[in-house]
Amino acid sequence: MPERANGRERWWRTFPVDHREPDYDTLSAGERAALDEWRAQQIPGELELVNRFIRDVRQHGPWAKACRARGYYTVENLEALHEEYVALLRKYGHSAQDAPPGARPMQLRMFYIPDE
């Protein structure tokens, strides 16, 4: 909607719930190293989040749920799943400025990794 922009007005909507990492294979060696370092720095916080969920899940009633799955997937299936997951985050997530009454800040995660 370029007709709505005047150089200072931000007419676009951001999606604070969409924090996708770049495609690792498209990055330079330096960018890969930076992403690897960033990921390593995230691990303690991610582990704390998992431990907090395990410890406190019953305190939050319908505000806390978990789901696990197993199956056989192709790379194409996983990419489609990831894109649909991000689309759902965009559909149902809100920024702090446009959150409806009763909305709470939430931590959501989705992981997948090949079974050993």
PDB file of N, CA and C in Angstrom:
ATOM      1  N   MET A   1       0.802  -1.187   0.000  1.00  0.00           N
ATOM      2  CA  MET A   1       0.000   0.000   0.000  1.00  0.00           C
ATOM      3  C   MET A   1       0.850   1.258   0.000  1.00  0.00           C
ATOM      4  N   PRO A   2       1.678   1.421  -0.982  1.00  0.00           N
ATOM      5  CA  PRO A   2       2.539   2.606  -1.023  1.00  0.00           C
ATOM      6  C   PRO A   2       1.759   3.908  -1.001  1.00  0.00           C
ATOM      7  N   GLU A   3       0.500   3.909  -1.501  1.00  0.00           N
ATOM      8  CA  GLU A   3      -0.283   5.138  -1.509  1.00  0.00           C
ATOM      9  C   GLU A   3      -0.585   5.637  -0.103  1.00  0.00           C
ATOM     10  N   ARG A   4      -0.462   4.779   0.902  1.00  0.00           N
ATOM     11  CA  ARG A   4      -0.740   5.167   2.290  1.00  0.00           C
ATOM     12  C   ARG A   4       0.503   5.690   2.995  1.00  0.00           C
ATOM     13  N   ALA A   5       1.662   5.486   2.415  1.00  0.00           N
ATOM     14  CA  ALA A   5       2.905   5.911   3.072  1.00  0.00           C
ATOM     15  C   ALA A   5       3.192   7.372   2.748  1.00  0.00           C
ATOM     16  N   ASN A   6       3.686   8.111   3.728  1.00  0.00           N
ATOM     17  CA  ASN A   6       4.057   9.505   3.489  1.00  0.00           C
ATOM     18  C   ASN A   6       5.505   9.765   3.889  1.00  0.00           C
ATOM     19  N   GLY A   7       6.286   8.709   4.079  1.00  0.00           N
ATOM     20  CA  GLY A   7       7.673   8.861   4.456  1.00  0.00           C
ATOM     21  C   GLY A   7       7.912   8.727   5.945  1.00  0.00           C
ATOM     22  N   ARG A   8       6.928   9.084   6.768  1.00  0.00           N
ATOM     23  CA  ARG A   8       7.061   8.970   8.211  1.00  0.00           C
ATOM     24  C   ARG A   8       6.046   8.007   8.798  1.00  0.00           C
ATOM     25  N   GLU A   9       4.894   7.916   8.193  1.00  0.00           N
ATOM     26  CA  GLU A   9       3.835   7.049   8.693  1.00  0.00           C
ATOM     27  C   GLU A   9       4.162   5.588   8.385  1.00  0.00           C
ATOM     28  N   ARG A  10       3.967   4.732   9.373  1.00  0.00           N
ATOM     29  CA  ARG A  10       4.174   3.295   9.177  1.00  0.00           C
ATOM     30  C   ARG A  10       2.809   2.645   9.022  1.00  0.00           C
ATOM     31  N   TRP A  11       2.421   2.362   7.804  1.00  0.00           N
ATOM     32  CA  TRP A  11       1.119   1.784   7.534  1.00  0.00           C
ATOM     33  C   TRP A  11       1.136   0.272   7.565  1.00  0.00           C
ATOM     34  N   TRP A  12       2.340  -0.322   7.595  1.00  0.00           N
ATOM     35  CA  TRP A  12       2.451  -1.777   7.602  1.00  0.00           C
ATOM     36  C   TRP A  12       2.343  -2.287   9.021  1.00  0.00           C
ATOM     37  N   ARG A  13       1.988  -3.545   9.146  1.00  0.00           N
ATOM     38  CA  ARG A  13       1.870  -4.188  10.454  1.00  0.00           C
ATOM     39  C   ARG A  13       3.045  -5.134  10.640  1.00  0.00           C
ATOM     40  N   THR A  14       3.707  -5.051  11.779  1.00  0.00           N
ATOM     41  CA  THR A  14       4.781  -5.983  12.073  1.00  0.00           C
ATOM     42  C   THR A  14       4.205  -7.226  12.728  1.00  0.00           C
ATOM     43  N   PHE A  15       4.953  -8.313  12.673  1.00  0.00           N
ATOM     44  CA  PHE A  15       4.539  -9.560  13.279  1.00  0.00           C
ATOM     45  C   PHE A  15       5.591  -9.973  14.296  1.00  0.00           C
ATOM     46  N   PRO A  16       5.457  -9.503  15.544  1.00  0.00           N
ATOM     47  CA  PRO A  16       6.481  -9.787  16.547  1.00  0.00           C
ATOM     48  C   PRO A  16       6.564 -11.267  16.893  1.00  0.00           C
ATOM     49  N   VAL A  17       5.590 -12.065  16.469  1.00  0.00           N
ATOM     50  CA  VAL A  17       5.604 -13.485  16.786  1.00  0.00           C
ATOM     51  C   VAL A  17       6.416 -14.288  15.782  1.00  0.00           C
ATOM     52  N   ASP A  18       6.863 -13.687  14.707  1.00  0.00           N
ATOM     53  CA  ASP A  18       7.564 -14.400  13.633  1.00  0.00           C
ATOM     54  C   ASP A  18       9.062 -14.142  13.751  1.00  0.00           C
ATOM     55  N   HIS A  19       9.771 -15.080  14.355  1.00  0.00           N
ATOM     56  CA  HIS A  19      11.207 -14.935  14.552  1.00  0.00           C
ATOM     57  C   HIS A  19      11.937 -16.064  13.845  1.00  0.00           C
ATOM     58  N   ARG A  20      11.751 -16.170  12.545  1.00  0.00           N
ATOM     59  CA  ARG A  20      12.409 -17.230  11.791  1.00  0.00           C
ATOM     60  C   ARG A  20      13.882 -16.929  11.594  1.00  0.00           C
ATOM     61  N   GLU A  21      14.671 -17.977  11.623  1.00  0.00           N
ATOM     62  CA  GLU A  21      16.083 -17.844  11.315  1.00  0.00           C
ATOM     63  C   GLU A  21      16.262 -17.890   9.805  1.00  0.00           C
ATOM     64  N   PRO A  22      17.332 -17.285   9.304  1.00  0.00           N
ATOM     65  CA  PRO A  22      17.590 -17.363   7.865  1.00  0.00           C
ATOM     66  C   PRO A  22      17.985 -18.782   7.465  1.00  0.00           C
ATOM     67  N   ASP A  23      17.866 -19.089   6.190  1.00  0.00           N
ATOM     68  CA  ASP A  23      18.271 -20.388   5.656  1.00  0.00           C
ATOM     69  C   ASP A  23      19.790 -20.504   5.784  1.00  0.00           C
ATOM     70  N   TYR A  24      20.235 -21.428   6.594  1.00  0.00           N
ATOM     71  CA  TYR A  24      21.654 -21.585   6.915  1.00  0.00           C
ATOM     72  C   TYR A  24      22.512 -21.764   5.657  1.00  0.00           C
ATOM     73  N   ASP A  25      22.001 -22.515   4.689  1.00  0.00           N
ATOM     74  CA  ASP A  25      22.772 -22.806   3.479  1.00  0.00           C
ATOM     75  C   ASP A  25      23.005 -21.586   2.604  1.00  0.00           C
ATOM     76  N   THR A  26      22.250 -20.519   2.800  1.00  0.00           N
ATOM     77  CA  THR A  26      22.417 -19.319   1.979  1.00  0.00           C
ATOM     78  C   THR A  26      23.359 -18.302   2.629  1.00  0.00           C
ATOM     79  N   LEU A  27      23.834 -18.581   3.835  1.00  0.00           N
ATOM     80  CA  LEU A  27      24.664 -17.634   4.568  1.00  0.00           C
ATOM     81  C   LEU A  27      26.138 -17.782   4.237  1.00  0.00           C
ATOM     82  N   SER A  28      26.853 -16.691   4.363  1.00  0.00           N
ATOM     83  CA  SER A  28      28.309 -16.725   4.221  1.00  0.00           C
ATOM     84  C   SER A  28      28.904 -17.393   5.455  1.00  0.00           C
ATOM     85  N   ALA A  29      30.190 -17.700   5.398  1.00  0.00           N
ATOM     86  CA  ALA A  29      30.865 -18.327   6.541  1.00  0.00           C
ATOM     87  C   ALA A  29      30.771 -17.435   7.783  1.00  0.00           C
ATOM     88  N   GLY A  30      30.944 -16.145   7.614  1.00  0.00           N
ATOM     89  CA  GLY A  30      30.851 -15.216   8.746  1.00  0.00           C
ATOM     90  C   GLY A  30      29.445 -15.148   9.318  1.00  0.00           C
ATOM     91  N   GLU A  31      28.451 -15.140   8.435  1.00  0.00           N
ATOM     92  CA  GLU A  31      27.066 -15.108   8.891  1.00  0.00           C
ATOM     93  C   GLU A  31      26.697 -16.408   9.607  1.00  0.00           C
ATOM     94  N   ARG A  32      27.211 -17.524   9.101  1.00  0.00           N
ATOM     95  CA  ARG A  32      26.959 -18.807   9.770  1.00  0.00           C
ATOM     96  C   ARG A  32      27.564 -18.809  11.167  1.00  0.00           C
ATOM     97  N   ALA A  33      28.784 -18.306  11.282  1.00  0.00           N
ATOM     98  CA  ALA A  33      29.442 -18.254  12.589  1.00  0.00           C
ATOM     99  C   ALA A  33      28.640 -17.382  13.554  1.00  0.00           C
ATOM    100  N   ALA A  34      28.137 -16.250  13.061  1.00  0.00           N
ATOM    101  CA  ALA A  34      27.344 -15.363  13.914  1.00  0.00           C
ATOM    102  C   ALA A  34      26.039 -16.042  14.333  1.00  0.00           C
ATOM    103  N   LEU A  35      25.388 -16.744  13.412  1.00  0.00           N
ATOM    104  CA  LEU A  35      24.153 -17.444  13.749  1.00  0.00           C
ATOM    105  C   LEU A  35      24.419 -18.570  14.744  1.00  0.00           C
ATOM    106  N   ASP A  36      25.512 -19.302  14.540  1.00  0.00           N
ATOM    107  CA  ASP A  36      25.875 -20.368  15.478  1.00  0.00           C
ATOM    108  C   ASP A  36      26.101 -19.807  16.880  1.00  0.00           C
ATOM    109  N   GLU A  37      26.779 -18.676  16.962  1.00  0.00           N
ATOM    110  CA  GLU A  37      27.043 -18.040  18.265  1.00  0.00           C
ATOM    111  C   GLU A  37      25.732 -17.567  18.888  1.00  0.00           C
ATOM    112  N   TRP A  38      24.868 -16.957  18.101  1.00  0.00           N
ATOM    113  CA  TRP A  38      23.571 -16.508  18.609  1.00  0.00           C
ATOM    114  C   TRP A  38      22.775 -17.691  19.136  1.00  0.00           C
ATOM    115  N   ARG A  39      22.745 -18.795  18.377  1.00  0.00           N
ATOM    116  CA  ARG A  39      22.016 -19.988  18.826  1.00  0.00           C
ATOM    117  C   ARG A  39      22.581 -20.500  20.148  1.00  0.00           C
ATOM    118  N   ALA A  40      23.899 -20.552  20.263  1.00  0.00           N
ATOM    119  CA  ALA A  40      24.530 -21.035  21.494  1.00  0.00           C
ATOM    120  C   ALA A  40      24.131 -20.162  22.685  1.00  0.00           C
ATOM    121  N   GLN A  41      24.019 -18.864  22.463  1.00  0.00           N
ATOM    122  CA  GLN A  41      23.623 -17.960  23.542  1.00  0.00           C
ATOM    123  C   GLN A  41      22.164 -18.141  23.932  1.00  0.00           C
ATOM    124  N   GLN A  42      21.336 -18.671  23.043  1.00  0.00           N
ATOM    125  CA  GLN A  42      19.912 -18.870  23.322  1.00  0.00           C
ATOM    126  C   GLN A  42      19.652 -20.119  24.161  1.00  0.00           C
ATOM    127  N   ILE A  43      20.569 -21.080  24.149  1.00  0.00           N
ATOM    128  CA  ILE A  43      20.329 -22.381  24.786  1.00  0.00           C
ATOM    129  C   ILE A  43      19.975 -22.272  26.264  1.00  0.00           C
ATOM    130  N   PRO A  44      20.708 -21.525  27.082  1.00  0.00           N
ATOM    131  CA  PRO A  44      20.318 -21.461  28.504  1.00  0.00           C
ATOM    132  C   PRO A  44      18.891 -20.961  28.708  1.00  0.00           C
ATOM    133  N   GLY A  45      18.479 -19.958  27.974  1.00  0.00           N
ATOM    134  CA  GLY A  45      17.126 -19.445  28.100  1.00  0.00           C
ATOM    135  C   GLY A  45      16.075 -20.439  27.631  1.00  0.00           C
ATOM    136  N   GLU A  46      16.386 -21.168  26.563  1.00  0.00           N
ATOM    137  CA  GLU A  46      15.448 -22.184  26.069  1.00  0.00           C
ATOM    138  C   GLU A  46      15.313 -23.323  27.073  1.00  0.00           C
ATOM    139  N   LEU A  47      16.422 -23.749  27.673  1.00  0.00           N
ATOM    140  CA  LEU A  47      16.361 -24.800  28.687  1.00  0.00           C
ATOM    141  C   LEU A  47      15.574 -24.335  29.908  1.00  0.00           C
ATOM    142  N   GLU A  48      15.757 -23.091  30.305  1.00  0.00           N
ATOM    143  CA  GLU A  48      15.004 -22.547  31.433  1.00  0.00           C
ATOM    144  C   GLU A  48      13.519 -22.511  31.115  1.00  0.00           C
ATOM    145  N   LEU A  49      13.168 -22.173  29.886  1.00  0.00           N
ATOM    146  CA  LEU A  49      11.763 -22.151  29.498  1.00  0.00           C
ATOM    147  C   LEU A  49      11.147 -23.544  29.576  1.00  0.00           C
ATOM    148  N   VAL A  50      11.854 -24.557  29.089  1.00  0.00           N
ATOM    149  CA  VAL A  50      11.366 -25.937  29.175  1.00  0.00           C
ATOM    150  C   VAL A  50      11.225 -26.359  30.628  1.00  0.00           C
ATOM    151  N   ASN A  51      12.221 -26.069  31.445  1.00  0.00           N
ATOM    152  CA  ASN A  51      12.160 -26.429  32.864  1.00  0.00           C
ATOM    153  C   ASN A  51      11.032 -25.696  33.587  1.00  0.00           C
ATOM    154  N   ARG A  52      10.811 -24.427  33.230  1.00  0.00           N
ATOM    155  CA  ARG A  52       9.715 -23.673  33.841  1.00  0.00           C
ATOM    156  C   ARG A  52       8.374 -24.291  33.450  1.00  0.00           C
ATOM    157  N   PHE A  53       8.248 -24.707  32.188  1.00  0.00           N
ATOM    158  CA  PHE A  53       7.014 -25.356  31.753  1.00  0.00           C
ATOM    159  C   PHE A  53       6.769 -26.626  32.574  1.00  0.00           C
ATOM    160  N   ILE A  54       7.792 -27.457  32.688  1.00  0.00           N
ATOM    161  CA  ILE A  54       7.647 -28.706  33.449  1.00  0.00           C
ATOM    162  C   ILE A  54       7.266 -28.421  34.894  1.00  0.00           C
ATOM    163  N   ARG A  55       7.901 -27.438  35.486  1.00  0.00           N
ATOM    164  CA  ARG A  55       7.674 -27.099  36.891  1.00  0.00           C
ATOM    165  C   ARG A  55       6.308 -26.448  37.122  1.00  0.00           C
ATOM    166  N   ASP A  56       5.881 -25.568  36.217  1.00  0.00           N
ATOM    167  CA  ASP A  56       4.732 -24.704  36.491  1.00  0.00           C
ATOM    168  C   ASP A  56       3.497 -24.988  35.644  1.00  0.00           C
ATOM    169  N   VAL A  57       3.512 -26.008  34.796  1.00  0.00           N
ATOM    170  CA  VAL A  57       2.419 -26.201  33.837  1.00  0.00           C
ATOM    171  C   VAL A  57       1.051 -26.251  34.498  1.00  0.00           C
ATOM    172  N   ARG A  58       0.928 -26.890  35.631  1.00  0.00           N
ATOM    173  CA  ARG A  58      -0.383 -27.041  36.271  1.00  0.00           C
ATOM    174  C   ARG A  58      -0.909 -25.731  36.856  1.00  0.00           C
ATOM    175  N   GLN A  59      -0.051 -24.773  37.054  1.00  0.00           N
ATOM    176  CA  GLN A  59      -0.469 -23.484  37.605  1.00  0.00           C
ATOM    177  C   GLN A  59      -1.204 -22.624  36.577  1.00  0.00           C
ATOM    178  N   HIS A  60      -1.080 -22.966  35.302  1.00  0.00           N
ATOM    179  CA  HIS A  60      -1.568 -22.072  34.250  1.00  0.00           C
ATOM    180  C   HIS A  60      -2.831 -22.542  33.547  1.00  0.00           C
ATOM    181  N   GLY A  61      -3.384 -23.675  33.941  1.00  0.00           N
ATOM    182  CA  GLY A  61      -4.629 -24.161  33.345  1.00  0.00           C
ATOM    183  C   GLY A  61      -4.579 -24.159  31.825  1.00  0.00           C
ATOM    184  N   PRO A  62      -5.570 -23.547  31.180  1.00  0.00           N
ATOM    185  CA  PRO A  62      -5.622 -23.571  29.722  1.00  0.00           C
ATOM    186  C   PRO A  62      -4.569 -22.700  29.046  1.00  0.00           C
ATOM    187  N   TRP A  63      -3.799 -21.959  29.837  1.00  0.00           N
ATOM    188  CA  TRP A  63      -2.769 -21.107  29.268  1.00  0.00           C
ATOM    189  C   TRP A  63      -1.476 -21.866  28.967  1.00  0.00           C
ATOM    190  N   ALA A  64      -1.385 -23.127  29.332  1.00  0.00           N
ATOM    191  CA  ALA A  64      -0.158 -23.898  29.102  1.00  0.00           C
ATOM    192  C   ALA A  64      -0.523 -25.281  28.585  1.00  0.00           C
ATOM    193  N   LYS A  65      -0.012 -25.624  27.417  1.00  0.00           N
ATOM    194  CA  LYS A  65      -0.242 -26.941  26.828  1.00  0.00           C
ATOM    195  C   LYS A  65       0.997 -27.360  26.060  1.00  0.00           C
ATOM    196  N   ALA A  66       1.104 -28.650  25.881  1.00  0.00           N
ATOM    197  CA  ALA A  66       2.229 -29.172  25.112  1.00  0.00           C
ATOM    198  C   ALA A  66       1.713 -30.198  24.126  1.00  0.00           C
ATOM    199  N   CYS A  67       2.458 -30.385  23.072  1.00  0.00           N
ATOM    200  CA  CYS A  67       2.117 -31.373  22.060  1.00  0.00           C
ATOM    201  C   CYS A  67       3.417 -31.971  21.537  1.00  0.00           C
ATOM    202  N   ARG A  68       3.403 -33.279  21.404  1.00  0.00           N
ATOM    203  CA  ARG A  68       4.553 -33.966  20.823  1.00  0.00           C
ATOM    204  C   ARG A  68       4.037 -34.855  19.712  1.00  0.00           C
ATOM    205  N   ALA A  69       4.873 -35.107  18.755  1.00  0.00           N
ATOM    206  CA  ALA A  69       4.467 -35.954  17.631  1.00  0.00           C
ATOM    207  C   ALA A  69       5.668 -36.715  17.112  1.00  0.00           C
ATOM    208  N   ARG A  70       5.381 -37.818  16.465  1.00  0.00           N
ATOM    209  CA  ARG A  70       6.398 -38.593  15.753  1.00  0.00           C
ATOM    210  C   ARG A  70       5.839 -38.935  14.401  1.00  0.00           C
ATOM    211  N   GLY A  71       6.696 -39.067  13.450  1.00  0.00           N
ATOM    212  CA  GLY A  71       6.251 -39.449  12.130  1.00  0.00           C
ATOM    213  C   GLY A  71       7.407 -39.398  11.164  1.00  0.00           C
ATOM    214  N   TYR A  72       7.122 -39.747   9.937  1.00  0.00           N
ATOM    215  CA  TYR A  72       8.109 -39.686   8.859  1.00  0.00           C
ATOM    216  C   TYR A  72       7.750 -38.497   7.986  1.00  0.00           C
ATOM    217  N   TYR A  73       8.729 -37.649   7.731  1.00  0.00           N
ATOM    218  CA  TYR A  73       8.511 -36.425   6.975  1.00  0.00           C
ATOM    219  C   TYR A  73       9.606 -36.270   5.933  1.00  0.00           C
ATOM    220  N   THR A  74       9.264 -35.697   4.819  1.00  0.00           N
ATOM    221  CA  THR A  74      10.272 -35.294   3.850  1.00  0.00           C
ATOM    222  C   THR A  74      10.700 -33.873   4.197  1.00  0.00           C
ATOM    223  N   VAL A  75      11.791 -33.425   3.620  1.00  0.00           N
ATOM    224  CA  VAL A  75      12.216 -32.043   3.824  1.00  0.00           C
ATOM    225  C   VAL A  75      11.117 -31.098   3.343  1.00  0.00           C
ATOM    226  N   GLU A  76      10.500 -31.432   2.217  1.00  0.00           N
ATOM    227  CA  GLU A  76       9.428 -30.591   1.691  1.00  0.00           C
ATOM    228  C   GLU A  76       8.240 -30.537   2.655  1.00  0.00           C
ATOM    229  N   ASN A  77       7.900 -31.685   3.268  1.00  0.00           N
ATOM    230  CA  ASN A  77       6.817 -31.711   4.262  1.00  0.00           C
ATOM    231  C   ASN A  77       7.159 -30.822   5.452  1.00  0.00           C
ATOM    232  N   LEU A  78       8.399 -30.914   5.933  1.00  0.00           N
ATOM    233  CA  LEU A  78       8.803 -30.108   7.080  1.00  0.00           C
ATOM    234  C   LEU A  78       8.789 -28.625   6.752  1.00  0.00           C
ATOM    235  N   GLU A  79       9.226 -28.265   5.557  1.00  0.00           N
ATOM    236  CA  GLU A  79       9.192 -26.855   5.161  1.00  0.00           C
ATOM    237  C   GLU A  79       7.756 -26.355   5.081  1.00  0.00           C
ATOM    238  N   ALA A  80       6.850 -27.163   4.531  1.00  0.00           N
ATOM    239  CA  ALA A  80       5.440 -26.781   4.451  1.00  0.00           C
ATOM    240  C   ALA A  80       4.847 -26.654   5.853  1.00  0.00           C
ATOM    241  N   LEU A  81       5.166 -27.594   6.735  1.00  0.00           N
ATOM    242  CA  LEU A  81       4.695 -27.546   8.114  1.00  0.00           C
ATOM    243  C   LEU A  81       5.163 -26.267   8.792  1.00  0.00           C
ATOM    244  N   HIS A  82       6.414 -25.933   8.600  1.00  0.00           N
ATOM    245  CA  HIS A  82       6.978 -24.727   9.212  1.00  0.00           C
ATOM    246  C   HIS A  82       6.281 -23.478   8.690  1.00  0.00           C
ATOM    247  N   GLU A  83       6.067 -23.392   7.398  1.00  0.00           N
ATOM    248  CA  GLU A  83       5.400 -22.224   6.820  1.00  0.00           C
ATOM    249  C   GLU A  83       3.961 -22.097   7.333  1.00  0.00           C
ATOM    250  N   GLU A  84       3.263 -23.217   7.450  1.00  0.00           N
ATOM    251  CA  GLU A  84       1.893 -23.173   7.967  1.00  0.00           C
ATOM    252  C   GLU A  84       1.873 -22.793   9.444  1.00  0.00           C
ATOM    253  N   TYR A  85       2.867 -23.258  10.198  1.00  0.00           N
ATOM    254  CA  TYR A  85       2.989 -22.882  11.608  1.00  0.00           C
ATOM    255  C   TYR A  85       3.179 -21.368  11.730  1.00  0.00           C
ATOM    256  N   VAL A  86       4.069 -20.803  10.931  1.00  0.00           N
ATOM    257  CA  VAL A  86       4.301 -19.360  10.962  1.00  0.00           C
ATOM    258  C   VAL A  86       3.031 -18.617  10.562  1.00  0.00           C
ATOM    259  N   ALA A  87       2.303 -19.128   9.573  1.00  0.00           N
ATOM    260  CA  ALA A  87       1.047 -18.497   9.160  1.00  0.00           C
ATOM    261  C   ALA A  87       0.034 -18.499  10.312  1.00  0.00           C
ATOM    262  N   LEU A  88       0.002 -19.582  11.081  1.00  0.00           N
ATOM    263  CA  LEU A  88      -0.897 -19.628  12.247  1.00  0.00           C
ATOM    264  C   LEU A  88      -0.468 -18.625  13.315  1.00  0.00           C
ATOM    265  N   LEU A  89       0.836 -18.477  13.536  1.00  0.00           N
ATOM    266  CA  LEU A  89       1.311 -17.475  14.494  1.00  0.00           C
ATOM    267  C   LEU A  89       0.859 -16.086  14.062  1.00  0.00           C
ATOM    268  N   ARG A  90       0.966 -15.799  12.786  1.00  0.00           N
ATOM    269  CA  ARG A  90       0.532 -14.497  12.276  1.00  0.00           C
ATOM    270  C   ARG A  90      -0.979 -14.320  12.401  1.00  0.00           C
ATOM    271  N   LYS A  91      -1.724 -15.378  12.124  1.00  0.00           N
ATOM    272  CA  LYS A  91      -3.179 -15.308  12.170  1.00  0.00           C
ATOM    273  C   LYS A  91      -3.694 -15.043  13.583  1.00  0.00           C
ATOM    274  N   TYR A  92      -3.147 -15.731  14.568  1.00  0.00           N
ATOM    275  CA  TYR A  92      -3.676 -15.663  15.927  1.00  0.00           C
ATOM    276  C   TYR A  92      -2.886 -14.778  16.873  1.00  0.00           C
ATOM    277  N   GLY A  93      -1.662 -14.395  16.529  1.00  0.00           N
ATOM    278  CA  GLY A  93      -0.838 -13.571  17.409  1.00  0.00           C
ATOM    279  C   GLY A  93      -1.129 -12.090  17.237  1.00  0.00           C
ATOM    280  N   HIS A  94      -0.814 -11.328  18.258  1.00  0.00           N
ATOM    281  CA  HIS A  94      -1.045  -9.877  18.257  1.00  0.00           C
ATOM    282  C   HIS A  94       0.190  -9.188  18.808  1.00  0.00           C
ATOM    283  N   SER A  95       0.388  -7.977  18.396  1.00  0.00           N
ATOM    284  CA  SER A  95       1.417  -7.156  19.034  1.00  0.00           C
ATOM    285  C   SER A  95       0.841  -6.603  20.331  1.00  0.00           C
ATOM    286  N   ALA A  96       1.695  -6.037  21.166  1.00  0.00           N
ATOM    287  CA  ALA A  96       1.221  -5.444  22.422  1.00  0.00           C
ATOM    288  C   ALA A  96       0.232  -4.314  22.137  1.00  0.00           C
ATOM    289  N   GLN A  97       0.417  -3.613  21.015  1.00  0.00           N
ATOM    290  CA  GLN A  97      -0.444  -2.475  20.691  1.00  0.00           C
ATOM    291  C   GLN A  97      -1.837  -2.895  20.220  1.00  0.00           C
ATOM    292  N   ASP A  98      -1.959  -4.056  19.568  1.00  0.00           N
ATOM    293  CA  ASP A  98      -3.278  -4.434  19.039  1.00  0.00           C
ATOM    294  C   ASP A  98      -3.863  -5.675  19.708  1.00  0.00           C
ATOM    295  N   ALA A  99      -3.314  -6.070  20.860  1.00  0.00           N
ATOM    296  CA  ALA A  99      -3.820  -7.254  21.565  1.00  0.00           C
ATOM    297  C   ALA A  99      -5.227  -6.982  22.098  1.00  0.00           C
ATOM    298  N   PRO A 100      -6.137  -7.955  21.933  1.00  0.00           N
ATOM    299  CA  PRO A 100      -7.489  -7.778  22.461  1.00  0.00           C
ATOM    300  C   PRO A 100      -7.505  -7.907  23.986  1.00  0.00           C
ATOM    301  N   PRO A 101      -8.572  -7.447  24.624  1.00  0.00           N
ATOM    302  CA  PRO A 101      -8.686  -7.598  26.078  1.00  0.00           C
ATOM    303  C   PRO A 101      -8.565  -9.074  26.475  1.00  0.00           C
ATOM    304  N   GLY A 102      -7.864  -9.321  27.553  1.00  0.00           N
ATOM    305  CA  GLY A 102      -7.682 -10.684  28.041  1.00  0.00           C
ATOM    306  C   GLY A 102      -6.480 -11.400  27.456  1.00  0.00           C
ATOM    307  N   ALA A 103      -5.830 -10.818  26.456  1.00  0.00           N
ATOM    308  CA  ALA A 103      -4.639 -11.449  25.870  1.00  0.00           C
ATOM    309  C   ALA A 103      -3.474 -11.319  26.840  1.00  0.00           C
ATOM    310  N   ARG A 104      -2.631 -12.348  26.862  1.00  0.00           N
ATOM    311  CA  ARG A 104      -1.450 -12.341  27.717  1.00  0.00           C
ATOM    312  C   ARG A 104      -0.222 -12.576  26.860  1.00  0.00           C
ATOM    313  N   PRO A 105       0.943 -12.051  27.256  1.00  0.00           N
ATOM    314  CA  PRO A 105       2.175 -12.391  26.543  1.00  0.00           C
ATOM    315  C   PRO A 105       2.478 -13.874  26.766  1.00  0.00           C
ATOM    316  N   MET A 106       2.812 -14.582  25.717  1.00  0.00           N
ATOM    317  CA  MET A 106       3.013 -16.032  25.776  1.00  0.00           C
ATOM    318  C   MET A 106       4.334 -16.405  25.112  1.00  0.00           C
ATOM    319  N   GLN A 107       4.899 -17.538  25.503  1.00  0.00           N
ATOM    320  CA  GLN A 107       6.082 -18.120  24.871  1.00  0.00           C
ATOM    321  C   GLN A 107       5.627 -19.366  24.133  1.00  0.00           C
ATOM    322  N   LEU A 108       5.834 -19.418  22.838  1.00  0.00           N
ATOM    323  CA  LEU A 108       5.481 -20.584  22.033  1.00  0.00           C
ATOM    324  C   LEU A 108       6.731 -21.098  21.344  1.00  0.00           C
ATOM    325  N   ARG A 109       6.837 -22.411  21.247  1.00  0.00           N
ATOM    326  CA  ARG A 109       7.975 -23.031  20.565  1.00  0.00           C
ATOM    327  C   ARG A 109       7.492 -24.183  19.707  1.00  0.00           C
ATOM    328  N   MET A 110       8.191 -24.439  18.620  1.00  0.00           N
ATOM    329  CA  MET A 110       8.012 -25.631  17.821  1.00  0.00           C
ATOM    330  C   MET A 110       9.397 -26.130  17.425  1.00  0.00           C
ATOM    331  N   PHE A 111       9.665 -27.370  17.708  1.00  0.00           N
ATOM    332  CA  PHE A 111      10.948 -27.947  17.348  1.00  0.00           C
ATOM    333  C   PHE A 111      10.706 -29.205  16.540  1.00  0.00           C
ATOM    334  N   TYR A 112      11.580 -29.487  15.636  1.00  0.00           N
ATOM    335  CA  TYR A 112      11.594 -30.813  15.040  1.00  0.00           C
ATOM    336  C   TYR A 112      13.026 -31.192  14.743  1.00  0.00           C
ATOM    337  N   ILE A 113      13.301 -32.478  14.885  1.00  0.00           N
ATOM    338  CA  ILE A 113      14.644 -33.018  14.697  1.00  0.00           C
ATOM    339  C   ILE A 113      14.499 -34.493  14.347  1.00  0.00           C
ATOM    340  N   PRO A 114      15.353 -35.019  13.498  1.00  0.00           N
ATOM    341  CA  PRO A 114      15.223 -36.440  13.159  1.00  0.00           C
ATOM    342  C   PRO A 114      15.376 -37.322  14.398  1.00  0.00           C
ATOM    343  N   ASP A 115      14.598 -38.385  14.436  1.00  0.00           N
ATOM    344  CA  ASP A 115      14.670 -39.354  15.514  1.00  0.00           C
ATOM    345  C   ASP A 115      15.933 -40.196  15.327  1.00  0.00           C
ATOM    346  N   GLU A 116      16.672 -40.451  16.392  1.00  0.00           N
ATOM    347  CA  GLU A 116      17.911 -41.245  16.290  1.00  0.00           C
ATOM    348  C   GLU A 116      17.614 -42.714  16.239  1.00  0.00           C
TER     349      GLU A 116
END
